[in-house]
Amino acid sequence: GQVDDLQPYFTFDDLRERVEKKCKNIAYVSAEPKKENGKEFFKFNKAVLLSGLNFEKFIDCIKKGLIVYDIRLGAYRSGKMMGKPHDHGSGFRVLKRNLNTVFDVQEL
């Protein structure tokens, strides 16, 4: 087929399955990076549990702009692939400022 023949989309059944399986409980961890002798280390300083998102709330949050679809395309910045496109994987994103609205947040 040609590119014009492609029909990329998510069905509501696909979305429901992913939301209910992958978004039931999410751990959100923040860390501070540090480099030592050319190696990168992380100091984890906070973890929270995000829960309470069901499919109906997911759709409502999309309508309200609290959850957005994110196309994450970029280009390699260095190395032998420098300048070539890289697909980081598209998906749905919740901005940090909206976490308390979209999820029930519990500090661990």
C-alpha atoms as a PDB file:
ATOM      1  CA  GLY A   1       0.000   0.000   0.000  1.00  0.00           C
ATOM      2  CA  GLN A   2       0.782   3.617  -0.306  1.00  0.00           C
ATOM      3  CA  VAL A   3       1.029   6.134   2.495  1.00  0.00           C
ATOM      4  CA  ASP A   4      -2.373   7.483   1.407  1.00  0.00           C
ATOM      5  CA  ASP A   5      -3.876   4.052   2.145  1.00  0.00           C
ATOM      6  CA  LEU A   6      -2.762   4.060   5.811  1.00  0.00           C
ATOM      7  CA  GLN A   7      -5.422   4.797   8.404  1.00  0.00           C
ATOM      8  CA  PRO A   8      -3.650   5.143  11.763  1.00  0.00           C
ATOM      9  CA  TYR A   9      -6.119   5.419  14.628  1.00  0.00           C
ATOM     10  CA  PHE A  10      -7.124   4.074  18.020  1.00  0.00           C
ATOM     11  CA  THR A  11     -10.527   2.466  18.402  1.00  0.00           C
ATOM     12  CA  PHE A  12     -12.444   3.144  21.614  1.00  0.00           C
ATOM     13  CA  ASP A  13     -12.024  -0.542  22.482  1.00  0.00           C
ATOM     14  CA  ASP A  14      -8.222  -0.223  22.052  1.00  0.00           C
ATOM     15  CA  LEU A  15      -8.155   2.873  24.242  1.00  0.00           C
ATOM     16  CA  ARG A  16     -10.412   1.363  26.903  1.00  0.00           C
ATOM     17  CA  GLU A  17      -8.211  -1.749  27.145  1.00  0.00           C
ATOM     18  CA  ARG A  18      -4.991   0.268  27.447  1.00  0.00           C
ATOM     19  CA  VAL A  19      -6.375   2.760  29.971  1.00  0.00           C
ATOM     20  CA  GLU A  20      -7.885   0.071  32.174  1.00  0.00           C
ATOM     21  CA  LYS A  21      -4.768  -2.161  32.072  1.00  0.00           C
ATOM     22  CA  LYS A  22      -1.868   0.301  31.917  1.00  0.00           C
ATOM     23  CA  CYS A  23      -3.229   3.282  33.832  1.00  0.00           C
ATOM     24  CA  LYS A  24      -4.810   1.581  36.830  1.00  0.00           C
ATOM     25  CA  ASN A  25      -1.792   2.318  39.049  1.00  0.00           C
ATOM     26  CA  ILE A  26       1.176   4.382  37.920  1.00  0.00           C
ATOM     27  CA  ALA A  27       4.251   5.193  40.003  1.00  0.00           C
ATOM     28  CA  TYR A  28       5.603   8.688  39.328  1.00  0.00           C
ATOM     29  CA  VAL A  29       9.170   9.052  40.592  1.00  0.00           C
ATOM     30  CA  SER A  30      11.317  12.181  40.589  1.00  0.00           C
ATOM     31  CA  ALA A  31      15.102  12.079  40.737  1.00  0.00           C
ATOM     32  CA  GLU A  32      18.142  14.318  40.523  1.00  0.00           C
ATOM     33  CA  PRO A  33      20.781  13.274  37.962  1.00  0.00           C
ATOM     34  CA  LYS A  34      24.497  13.380  38.762  1.00  0.00           C
ATOM     35  CA  LYS A  35      27.554  12.498  36.654  1.00  0.00           C
ATOM     36  CA  GLU A  36      30.601  10.893  38.238  1.00  0.00           C
ATOM     37  CA  ASN A  37      33.578   9.622  36.275  1.00  0.00           C
ATOM     38  CA  GLY A  38      31.579   9.738  33.043  1.00  0.00           C
ATOM     39  CA  LYS A  39      28.712   7.681  34.479  1.00  0.00           C
ATOM     40  CA  GLU A  40      25.238   9.013  35.210  1.00  0.00           C
ATOM     41  CA  PHE A  41      23.612   8.339  38.584  1.00  0.00           C
ATOM     42  CA  PHE A  42      20.202   9.284  39.954  1.00  0.00           C
ATOM     43  CA  LYS A  43      19.161  10.212  43.476  1.00  0.00           C
ATOM     44  CA  PHE A  44      15.484   9.343  43.853  1.00  0.00           C
ATOM     45  CA  ASN A  45      13.796  11.877  46.092  1.00  0.00           C
ATOM     46  CA  LYS A  46      10.036  11.401  45.742  1.00  0.00           C
ATOM     47  CA  ALA A  47       7.518   8.787  44.599  1.00  0.00           C
ATOM     48  CA  VAL A  48       3.759   9.091  44.242  1.00  0.00           C
ATOM     49  CA  LEU A  49       1.077   6.620  43.241  1.00  0.00           C
ATOM     50  CA  LEU A  50      -1.317   7.808  40.528  1.00  0.00           C
ATOM     51  CA  SER A  51      -4.626   5.934  40.438  1.00  0.00           C
ATOM     52  CA  GLY A  52      -8.339   6.441  39.879  1.00  0.00           C
ATOM     53  CA  LEU A  53      -8.305   6.917  36.107  1.00  0.00           C
ATOM     54  CA  ASN A  54     -10.995   4.977  34.288  1.00  0.00           C
ATOM     55  CA  PHE A  55     -11.973   5.128  30.617  1.00  0.00           C
ATOM     56  CA  GLU A  56     -14.881   7.557  31.064  1.00  0.00           C
ATOM     57  CA  LYS A  57     -12.671   9.970  33.040  1.00  0.00           C
ATOM     58  CA  PHE A  58      -9.918   9.555  30.413  1.00  0.00           C
ATOM     59  CA  ILE A  59     -12.285  10.642  27.599  1.00  0.00           C
ATOM     60  CA  ASP A  60     -13.628  13.532  29.721  1.00  0.00           C
ATOM     61  CA  CYS A  61     -10.064  14.720  30.434  1.00  0.00           C
ATOM     62  CA  ILE A  62      -9.254  14.657  26.704  1.00  0.00           C
ATOM     63  CA  LYS A  63     -12.335  16.802  26.012  1.00  0.00           C
ATOM     64  CA  LYS A  64     -11.219  19.266  28.717  1.00  0.00           C
ATOM     65  CA  GLY A  65      -7.634  19.386  27.408  1.00  0.00           C
ATOM     66  CA  LEU A  66      -6.178  17.813  30.571  1.00  0.00           C
ATOM     67  CA  ILE A  67      -4.879  14.842  28.576  1.00  0.00           C
ATOM     68  CA  VAL A  68      -3.408  15.540  25.135  1.00  0.00           C
ATOM     69  CA  TYR A  69      -2.127  13.383  22.285  1.00  0.00           C
ATOM     70  CA  ASP A  70       1.611  13.831  21.915  1.00  0.00           C
ATOM     71  CA  ILE A  71       3.499  13.048  18.694  1.00  0.00           C
ATOM     72  CA  ARG A  72       7.106  12.631  19.811  1.00  0.00           C
ATOM     73  CA  LEU A  73       9.259  12.820  16.697  1.00  0.00           C
ATOM     74  CA  GLY A  74      12.798  14.092  16.823  1.00  0.00           C
ATOM     75  CA  ALA A  75      16.234  13.782  15.289  1.00  0.00           C
ATOM     76  CA  TYR A  76      19.412  12.231  16.618  1.00  0.00           C
ATOM     77  CA  ARG A  77      21.671  14.985  17.968  1.00  0.00           C
ATOM     78  CA  SER A  78      24.983  13.156  17.751  1.00  0.00           C
ATOM     79  CA  GLY A  79      26.715  10.001  16.611  1.00  0.00           C
ATOM     80  CA  LYS A  80      26.512   8.204  13.298  1.00  0.00           C
ATOM     81  CA  MET A  81      22.732   8.761  13.123  1.00  0.00           C
ATOM     82  CA  MET A  82      23.016  12.541  13.681  1.00  0.00           C
ATOM     83  CA  GLY A  83      20.284  14.439  11.844  1.00  0.00           C
ATOM     84  CA  LYS A  84      18.247  11.333  11.038  1.00  0.00           C
ATOM     85  CA  PRO A  85      14.666  11.149  12.309  1.00  0.00           C
ATOM     86  CA  HIS A  86      13.811   9.240  15.466  1.00  0.00           C
ATOM     87  CA  ASP A  87      10.329   8.265  16.626  1.00  0.00           C
ATOM     88  CA  HIS A  88      10.126   8.328  20.417  1.00  0.00           C
ATOM     89  CA  GLY A  89       6.646   6.827  20.295  1.00  0.00           C
ATOM     90  CA  SER A  90       3.443   8.793  20.311  1.00  0.00           C
ATOM     91  CA  GLY A  91       0.987   8.634  23.157  1.00  0.00           C
ATOM     92  CA  PHE A  92      -1.195  10.515  25.562  1.00  0.00           C
ATOM     93  CA  ARG A  93       0.362  13.008  27.968  1.00  0.00           C
ATOM     94  CA  VAL A  94      -0.794  14.545  31.220  1.00  0.00           C
ATOM     95  CA  LEU A  95       1.001  17.765  32.139  1.00  0.00           C
ATOM     96  CA  LYS A  96       2.426  17.737  35.664  1.00  0.00           C
ATOM     97  CA  ARG A  97       0.140  20.592  36.717  1.00  0.00           C
ATOM     98  CA  ASN A  98      -2.909  18.433  35.830  1.00  0.00           C
ATOM     99  CA  LEU A  99      -1.907  15.268  37.736  1.00  0.00           C
ATOM    100  CA  ASN A 100      -4.090  16.088  40.773  1.00  0.00           C
ATOM    101  CA  THR A 101      -7.117  16.624  38.521  1.00  0.00           C
ATOM    102  CA  VAL A 102      -6.680  13.513  36.369  1.00  0.00           C
ATOM    103  CA  PHE A 103      -5.535  11.092  39.089  1.00  0.00           C
ATOM    104  CA  ASP A 104      -5.915  10.373  42.769  1.00  0.00           C
ATOM    105  CA  VAL A 105      -2.405  11.170  44.020  1.00  0.00           C
ATOM    106  CA  GLN A 106      -0.924   9.411  47.040  1.00  0.00           C
ATOM    107  CA  GLU A 107       2.626  10.124  48.212  1.00  0.00           C
ATOM    108  CA  LEU A 108       4.621   6.970  48.939  1.00  0.00           C
END
